Amino acid sequence: AKNSVYLQMDSMKPEDTAVYFCGAVVTDVY
């Protein structure tokens, strides 16, 4: 309904530090 996807991140670690990107693809196998 909001045309959005969410990422809930819990118990985060220093190694989670990064730039986070979302990407879209039509083919489900990917």
PDB file of all heavy atoms in Angstrom:
ATOM      1  N   ALA A   1       0.821  -1.206   0.000  1.00  0.00           N
ATOM      2  CA  ALA A   1       0.000   0.000   0.000  1.00  0.00           C
ATOM      3  C   ALA A   1       0.858   1.259   0.000  1.00  0.00           C
ATOM      4  O   ALA A   1       0.457   2.285  -0.551  1.00  0.00           O
ATOM      5  CB  ALA A   1      -0.945   0.000   1.189  1.00  0.00           C
ATOM      6  N   LYS A   2       2.022   1.189   0.635  1.00  0.00           N
ATOM      7  CA  LYS A   2       2.940   2.324   0.674  1.00  0.00           C
ATOM      8  C   LYS A   2       4.046   2.210  -0.359  1.00  0.00           C
ATOM      9  O   LYS A   2       4.936   3.067  -0.407  1.00  0.00           O
ATOM     10  CB  LYS A   2       3.544   2.457   2.070  1.00  0.00           C
ATOM     11  CG  LYS A   2       2.523   2.786   3.137  1.00  0.00           C
ATOM     12  CD  LYS A   2       3.181   2.983   4.490  1.00  0.00           C
ATOM     13  CE  LYS A   2       2.157   3.366   5.536  1.00  0.00           C
ATOM     14  NZ  LYS A   2       2.769   3.569   6.866  1.00  0.00           N
ATOM     15  N   ASN A   3       4.015   1.146  -1.159  1.00  0.00           N
ATOM     16  CA  ASN A   3       5.008   0.938  -2.208  1.00  0.00           C
ATOM     17  C   ASN A   3       6.424   0.960  -1.634  1.00  0.00           C
ATOM     18  O   ASN A   3       7.346   1.536  -2.220  1.00  0.00           O
ATOM     19  CB  ASN A   3       4.865   1.991  -3.312  1.00  0.00           C
ATOM     20  CG  ASN A   3       5.172   1.447  -4.695  1.00  0.00           C
ATOM     21  OD1 ASN A   3       5.035   0.255  -4.963  1.00  0.00           O
ATOM     22  ND2 ASN A   3       5.588   2.329  -5.598  1.00  0.00           N
ATOM     23  N   SER A   4       6.594   0.299  -0.481  1.00  0.00           N
ATOM     24  CA  SER A   4       7.860   0.340   0.237  1.00  0.00           C
ATOM     25  C   SER A   4       8.244  -1.034   0.774  1.00  0.00           C
ATOM     26  O   SER A   4       7.391  -1.883   1.024  1.00  0.00           O
ATOM     27  CB  SER A   4       7.795   1.329   1.407  1.00  0.00           C
ATOM     28  OG  SER A   4       7.583   2.652   0.951  1.00  0.00           O
ATOM     29  N   VAL A   5       9.546  -1.211   0.960  1.00  0.00           N
ATOM     30  CA  VAL A   5      10.120  -2.380   1.606  1.00  0.00           C
ATOM     31  C   VAL A   5      10.942  -1.894   2.790  1.00  0.00           C
ATOM     32  O   VAL A   5      11.581  -0.840   2.721  1.00  0.00           O
ATOM     33  CB  VAL A   5      10.981  -3.196   0.624  1.00  0.00           C
ATOM     34  CG1 VAL A   5      11.812  -4.246   1.366  1.00  0.00           C
ATOM     35  CG2 VAL A   5      10.102  -3.883  -0.408  1.00  0.00           C
ATOM     36  N   TYR A   6      10.943  -2.684   3.870  1.00  0.00           N
ATOM     37  CA  TYR A   6      11.619  -2.284   5.090  1.00  0.00           C
ATOM     38  C   TYR A   6      12.650  -3.315   5.507  1.00  0.00           C
ATOM     39  O   TYR A   6      12.514  -4.508   5.231  1.00  0.00           O
ATOM     40  CB  TYR A   6      10.609  -2.086   6.220  1.00  0.00           C
ATOM     41  CG  TYR A   6       9.530  -1.105   5.861  1.00  0.00           C
ATOM     42  CD1 TYR A   6       8.285  -1.533   5.407  1.00  0.00           C
ATOM     43  CD2 TYR A   6       9.765   0.263   5.944  1.00  0.00           C
ATOM     44  CE1 TYR A   6       7.304  -0.631   5.053  1.00  0.00           C
ATOM     45  CE2 TYR A   6       8.789   1.172   5.590  1.00  0.00           C
ATOM     46  CZ  TYR A   6       7.557   0.724   5.146  1.00  0.00           C
ATOM     47  OH  TYR A   6       6.590   1.632   4.794  1.00  0.00           O
ATOM     48  N   LEU A   7      13.674  -2.840   6.192  1.00  0.00           N
ATOM     49  CA  LEU A   7      14.704  -3.696   6.763  1.00  0.00           C
ATOM     50  C   LEU A   7      14.821  -3.371   8.244  1.00  0.00           C
ATOM     51  O   LEU A   7      15.283  -2.283   8.600  1.00  0.00           O
ATOM     52  CB  LEU A   7      16.042  -3.484   6.055  1.00  0.00           C
ATOM     53  CG  LEU A   7      17.259  -4.192   6.653  1.00  0.00           C
ATOM     54  CD1 LEU A   7      17.043  -5.693   6.719  1.00  0.00           C
ATOM     55  CD2 LEU A   7      18.514  -3.861   5.849  1.00  0.00           C
ATOM     56  N   GLN A   8      14.394  -4.304   9.088  1.00  0.00           N
ATOM     57  CA  GLN A   8      14.539  -4.161  10.530  1.00  0.00           C
ATOM     58  C   GLN A   8      15.821  -4.856  10.956  1.00  0.00           C
ATOM     59  O   GLN A   8      15.975  -6.060  10.745  1.00  0.00           O
ATOM     60  CB  GLN A   8      13.335  -4.772  11.258  1.00  0.00           C
ATOM     61  CG  GLN A   8      13.415  -4.691  12.779  1.00  0.00           C
ATOM     62  CD  GLN A   8      13.363  -3.275  13.295  1.00  0.00           C
ATOM     63  OE1 GLN A   8      12.558  -2.479  12.830  1.00  0.00           O
ATOM     64  NE2 GLN A   8      14.228  -2.952  14.248  1.00  0.00           N
ATOM     65  N   MET A   9      16.735  -4.110  11.559  1.00  0.00           N
ATOM     66  CA  MET A   9      18.027  -4.630  11.977  1.00  0.00           C
ATOM     67  C   MET A   9      18.111  -4.578  13.492  1.00  0.00           C
ATOM     68  O   MET A   9      18.013  -3.505  14.090  1.00  0.00           O
ATOM     69  CB  MET A   9      19.165  -3.824  11.349  1.00  0.00           C
ATOM     70  CG  MET A   9      19.122  -3.810   9.825  1.00  0.00           C
ATOM     71  SD  MET A   9      20.538  -2.956   9.082  1.00  0.00           S
ATOM     72  CE  MET A   9      20.143  -1.263   9.517  1.00  0.00           C
ATOM     73  N   ASP A  10      18.286  -5.737  14.109  1.00  0.00           N
ATOM     74  CA  ASP A  10      18.399  -5.860  15.554  1.00  0.00           C
ATOM     75  C   ASP A  10      19.735  -6.503  15.911  1.00  0.00           C
ATOM     76  O   ASP A  10      20.383  -7.124  15.074  1.00  0.00           O
ATOM     77  CB  ASP A  10      17.256  -6.702  16.120  1.00  0.00           C
ATOM     78  CG  ASP A  10      15.889  -6.106  15.874  1.00  0.00           C
ATOM     79  OD1 ASP A  10      15.730  -4.887  16.048  1.00  0.00           O
ATOM     80  OD2 ASP A  10      14.960  -6.867  15.512  1.00  0.00           O
ATOM     81  N   SER A  11      20.123  -6.369  17.173  1.00  0.00           N
ATOM     82  CA  SER A  11      21.378  -6.947  17.669  1.00  0.00           C
ATOM     83  C   SER A  11      22.540  -6.610  16.755  1.00  0.00           C
ATOM     84  O   SER A  11      23.330  -7.471  16.371  1.00  0.00           O
ATOM     85  CB  SER A  11      21.232  -8.468  17.819  1.00  0.00           C
ATOM     86  OG  SER A  11      20.180  -8.796  18.701  1.00  0.00           O
ATOM     87  N   MET A  12      22.654  -5.355  16.422  1.00  0.00           N
ATOM     88  CA  MET A  12      23.625  -4.942  15.427  1.00  0.00           C
ATOM     89  C   MET A  12      25.062  -5.045  15.930  1.00  0.00           C
ATOM     90  O   MET A  12      25.334  -4.882  17.121  1.00  0.00           O
ATOM     91  CB  MET A  12      23.323  -3.524  14.957  1.00  0.00           C
ATOM     92  CG  MET A  12      21.954  -3.423  14.297  1.00  0.00           C
ATOM     93  SD  MET A  12      21.679  -1.839  13.472  1.00  0.00           S
ATOM     94  CE  MET A  12      22.745  -2.035  12.042  1.00  0.00           C
ATOM     95  N   LYS A  13      25.956  -5.331  14.995  1.00  0.00           N
ATOM     96  CA  LYS A  13      27.365  -5.530  15.266  1.00  0.00           C
ATOM     97  C   LYS A  13      28.193  -4.531  14.471  1.00  0.00           C
ATOM     98  O   LYS A  13      27.751  -4.053  13.430  1.00  0.00           O
ATOM     99  CB  LYS A  13      27.781  -6.954  14.880  1.00  0.00           C
ATOM    100  CG  LYS A  13      26.982  -8.049  15.546  1.00  0.00           C
ATOM    101  CD  LYS A  13      27.378  -9.413  14.998  1.00  0.00           C
ATOM    102  CE  LYS A  13      26.584 -10.521  15.647  1.00  0.00           C
ATOM    103  NZ  LYS A  13      26.964 -11.856  15.103  1.00  0.00           N
ATOM    104  N   PRO A  14      29.410  -4.237  14.927  1.00  0.00           N
ATOM    105  CA  PRO A  14      30.263  -3.320  14.161  1.00  0.00           C
ATOM    106  C   PRO A  14      30.469  -3.762  12.717  1.00  0.00           C
ATOM    107  O   PRO A  14      30.578  -2.903  11.830  1.00  0.00           O
ATOM    108  CB  PRO A  14      31.580  -3.334  14.943  1.00  0.00           C
ATOM    109  CG  PRO A  14      31.161  -3.610  16.341  1.00  0.00           C
ATOM    110  CD  PRO A  14      30.021  -4.582  16.222  1.00  0.00           C
ATOM    111  N   GLU A  15      30.508  -5.058  12.457  1.00  0.00           N
ATOM    112  CA  GLU A  15      30.693  -5.538  11.095  1.00  0.00           C
ATOM    113  C   GLU A  15      29.484  -5.307  10.195  1.00  0.00           C
ATOM    114  O   GLU A  15      29.549  -5.558   8.991  1.00  0.00           O
ATOM    115  CB  GLU A  15      31.086  -7.024  11.080  1.00  0.00           C
ATOM    116  CG  GLU A  15      30.169  -7.910  11.894  1.00  0.00           C
ATOM    117  CD  GLU A  15      30.712  -8.186  13.291  1.00  0.00           C
ATOM    118  OE1 GLU A  15      31.188  -7.242  13.941  1.00  0.00           O
ATOM    119  OE2 GLU A  15      30.664  -9.361  13.724  1.00  0.00           O
ATOM    120  N   ASP A  16      28.370  -4.830  10.760  1.00  0.00           N
ATOM    121  CA  ASP A  16      27.222  -4.431   9.955  1.00  0.00           C
ATOM    122  C   ASP A  16      27.405  -3.044   9.344  1.00  0.00           C
ATOM    123  O   ASP A  16      26.572  -2.620   8.534  1.00  0.00           O
ATOM    124  CB  ASP A  16      25.941  -4.446  10.790  1.00  0.00           C
ATOM    125  CG  ASP A  16      25.553  -5.836  11.259  1.00  0.00           C
ATOM    126  OD1 ASP A  16      25.743  -6.805  10.495  1.00  0.00           O
ATOM    127  OD2 ASP A  16      25.048  -5.951  12.391  1.00  0.00           O
ATOM    128  N   THR A  17      28.442  -2.341   9.729  1.00  0.00           N
ATOM    129  CA  THR A  17      28.703  -1.012   9.194  1.00  0.00           C
ATOM    130  C   THR A  17      28.920  -1.078   7.690  1.00  0.00           C
ATOM    131  O   THR A  17      29.773  -1.818   7.207  1.00  0.00           O
ATOM    132  CB  THR A  17      29.924  -0.393   9.876  1.00  0.00           C
ATOM    133  OG1 THR A  17      29.654  -0.189  11.265  1.00  0.00           O
ATOM    134  CG2 THR A  17      30.279   0.951   9.245  1.00  0.00           C
ATOM    135  N   ALA A  18      28.132  -0.313   6.944  1.00  0.00           N
ATOM    136  CA  ALA A  18      28.195  -0.344   5.487  1.00  0.00           C
ATOM    137  C   ALA A  18      27.221   0.686   4.929  1.00  0.00           C
ATOM    138  O   ALA A  18      26.379   1.222   5.652  1.00  0.00           O
ATOM    139  CB  ALA A  18      27.833  -1.731   4.951  1.00  0.00           C
ATOM    140  N   VAL A  19      27.324   0.923   3.632  1.00  0.00           N
ATOM    141  CA  VAL A  19      26.262   1.607   2.909  1.00  0.00           C
ATOM    142  C   VAL A  19      25.262   0.545   2.468  1.00  0.00           C
ATOM    143  O   VAL A  19      25.641  -0.455   1.856  1.00  0.00           O
ATOM    144  CB  VAL A  19      26.795   2.378   1.694  1.00  0.00           C
ATOM    145  CG1 VAL A  19      25.649   3.023   0.926  1.00  0.00           C
ATOM    146  CG2 VAL A  19      27.791   3.444   2.140  1.00  0.00           C
ATOM    147  N   TYR A  20      23.999   0.759   2.779  1.00  0.00           N
ATOM    148  CA  TYR A  20      22.953  -0.198   2.455  1.00  0.00           C
ATOM    149  C   TYR A  20      22.157   0.285   1.247  1.00  0.00           C
ATOM    150  O   TYR A  20      21.714   1.437   1.197  1.00  0.00           O
ATOM    151  CB  TYR A  20      22.020  -0.406   3.647  1.00  0.00           C
ATOM    152  CG  TYR A  20      22.623  -1.294   4.707  1.00  0.00           C
ATOM    153  CD1 TYR A  20      23.669  -0.840   5.495  1.00  0.00           C
ATOM    154  CD2 TYR A  20      22.158  -2.591   4.902  1.00  0.00           C
ATOM    155  CE1 TYR A  20      24.247  -1.658   6.449  1.00  0.00           C
ATOM    156  CE2 TYR A  20      22.726  -3.413   5.859  1.00  0.00           C
ATOM    157  CZ  TYR A  20      23.769  -2.947   6.632  1.00  0.00           C
ATOM    158  OH  TYR A  20      24.336  -3.765   7.589  1.00  0.00           O
ATOM    159  N   PHE A  21      21.983  -0.606   0.277  1.00  0.00           N
ATOM    160  CA  PHE A  21      21.273  -0.314  -0.957  1.00  0.00           C
ATOM    161  C   PHE A  21      20.089  -1.260  -1.106  1.00  0.00           C
ATOM    162  O   PHE A  21      20.173  -2.422  -0.712  1.00  0.00           O
ATOM    163  CB  PHE A  21      22.170  -0.526  -2.184  1.00  0.00           C
ATOM    164  CG  PHE A  21      23.414   0.301  -2.216  1.00  0.00           C
ATOM    165  CD1 PHE A  21      24.567  -0.127  -1.576  1.00  0.00           C
ATOM    166  CD2 PHE A  21      23.447   1.500  -2.902  1.00  0.00           C
ATOM    167  CE1 PHE A  21      25.733   0.622  -1.613  1.00  0.00           C
ATOM    168  CE2 PHE A  21      24.604   2.264  -2.954  1.00  0.00           C
ATOM    169  CZ  PHE A  21      25.742   1.820  -2.306  1.00  0.00           C
ATOM    170  N   CYS A  22      19.004  -0.787  -1.704  1.00  0.00           N
ATOM    171  CA  CYS A  22      17.965  -1.693  -2.143  1.00  0.00           C
ATOM    172  C   CYS A  22      17.979  -1.773  -3.662  1.00  0.00           C
ATOM    173  O   CYS A  22      18.329  -0.813  -4.353  1.00  0.00           O
ATOM    174  CB  CYS A  22      16.580  -1.298  -1.629  1.00  0.00           C
ATOM    175  SG  CYS A  22      16.000   0.357  -2.043  1.00  0.00           S
ATOM    176  N   GLY A  23      17.631  -2.942  -4.169  1.00  0.00           N
ATOM    177  CA  GLY A  23      17.596  -3.181  -5.599  1.00  0.00           C
ATOM    178  C   GLY A  23      16.360  -3.977  -5.972  1.00  0.00           C
ATOM    179  O   GLY A  23      15.826  -4.730  -5.158  1.00  0.00           O
ATOM    180  N   ALA A  24      15.912  -3.834  -7.212  1.00  0.00           N
ATOM    181  CA  ALA A  24      14.705  -4.492  -7.700  1.00  0.00           C
ATOM    182  C   ALA A  24      15.012  -5.322  -8.937  1.00  0.00           C
ATOM    183  O   ALA A  24      15.810  -4.920  -9.790  1.00  0.00           O
ATOM    184  CB  ALA A  24      13.632  -3.463  -8.022  1.00  0.00           C
ATOM    185  N   VAL A  25      14.359  -6.482  -9.023  1.00  0.00           N
ATOM    186  CA  VAL A  25      14.506  -7.358 -10.176  1.00  0.00           C
ATOM    187  C   VAL A  25      13.185  -8.080 -10.425  1.00  0.00           C
ATOM    188  O   VAL A  25      12.490  -8.455  -9.474  1.00  0.00           O
ATOM    189  CB  VAL A  25      15.662  -8.370  -9.970  1.00  0.00           C
ATOM    190  CG1 VAL A  25      15.375  -9.317  -8.812  1.00  0.00           C
ATOM    191  CG2 VAL A  25      15.952  -9.132 -11.246  1.00  0.00           C
ATOM    192  N   VAL A  26      12.835  -8.264 -11.689  1.00  0.00           N
ATOM    193  CA  VAL A  26      11.582  -8.925 -12.040  1.00  0.00           C
ATOM    194  C   VAL A  26      11.683 -10.440 -11.873  1.00  0.00           C
ATOM    195  O   VAL A  26      10.734 -11.090 -11.431  1.00  0.00           O
ATOM    196  CB  VAL A  26      11.168  -8.571 -13.485  1.00  0.00           C
ATOM    197  CG1 VAL A  26       9.977  -9.413 -13.922  1.00  0.00           C
ATOM    198  CG2 VAL A  26      10.828  -7.092 -13.587  1.00  0.00           C
ATOM    199  N   THR A  27      12.809 -11.016 -12.214  1.00  0.00           N
ATOM    200  CA  THR A  27      12.981 -12.467 -12.209  1.00  0.00           C
ATOM    201  C   THR A  27      13.120 -12.980 -10.790  1.00  0.00           C
ATOM    202  O   THR A  27      14.078 -12.658 -10.093  1.00  0.00           O
ATOM    203  CB  THR A  27      14.203 -12.868 -13.043  1.00  0.00           C
ATOM    204  OG1 THR A  27      14.093 -12.299 -14.348  1.00  0.00           O
ATOM    205  CG2 THR A  27      14.291 -14.383 -13.164  1.00  0.00           C
ATOM    206  N   ASP A  28      12.188 -13.833 -10.362  1.00  0.00           N
ATOM    207  CA  ASP A  28      12.128 -14.275  -8.978  1.00  0.00           C
ATOM    208  C   ASP A  28      13.337 -15.092  -8.544  1.00  0.00           C
ATOM    209  O   ASP A  28      13.715 -15.050  -7.372  1.00  0.00           O
ATOM    210  CB  ASP A  28      10.862 -15.110  -8.738  1.00  0.00           C
ATOM    211  CG  ASP A  28       9.608 -14.277  -8.690  1.00  0.00           C
ATOM    212  OD1 ASP A  28       9.703 -13.045  -8.508  1.00  0.00           O
ATOM    213  OD2 ASP A  28       8.512 -14.859  -8.816  1.00  0.00           O
ATOM    214  N   VAL A  29      13.952 -15.843  -9.458  1.00  0.00           N
ATOM    215  CA  VAL A  29      15.046 -16.720  -9.059  1.00  0.00           C
ATOM    216  C   VAL A  29      16.218 -15.951  -8.475  1.00  0.00           C
ATOM    217  O   VAL A  29      16.978 -16.489  -7.672  1.00  0.00           O
ATOM    218  CB  VAL A  29      15.534 -17.601 -10.227  1.00  0.00           C
ATOM    219  CG1 VAL A  29      14.433 -18.546 -10.678  1.00  0.00           C
ATOM    220  CG2 VAL A  29      16.008 -16.740 -11.395  1.00  0.00           C
ATOM    221  N   TYR A  30      16.376 -14.697  -8.841  1.00  0.00           N
ATOM    222  CA  TYR A  30      17.485 -13.894  -8.321  1.00  0.00           C
ATOM    223  C   TYR A  30      17.261 -13.434  -6.887  1.00  0.00           C
ATOM    224  O   TYR A  30      18.161 -12.861  -6.278  1.00  0.00           O
ATOM    225  CB  TYR A  30      17.756 -12.701  -9.231  1.00  0.00           C
ATOM    226  CG  TYR A  30      18.283 -13.102 -10.582  1.00  0.00           C
ATOM    227  CD1 TYR A  30      17.557 -12.854 -11.738  1.00  0.00           C
ATOM    228  CD2 TYR A  30      19.510 -13.746 -10.693  1.00  0.00           C
ATOM    229  CE1 TYR A  30      18.038 -13.241 -12.976  1.00  0.00           C
ATOM    230  CE2 TYR A  30      19.995 -14.132 -11.924  1.00  0.00           C
ATOM    231  CZ  TYR A  30      19.260 -13.880 -13.063  1.00  0.00           C
ATOM    232  OH  TYR A  30      19.747 -14.271 -14.293  1.00  0.00           O
TER     233      TYR A  30
END
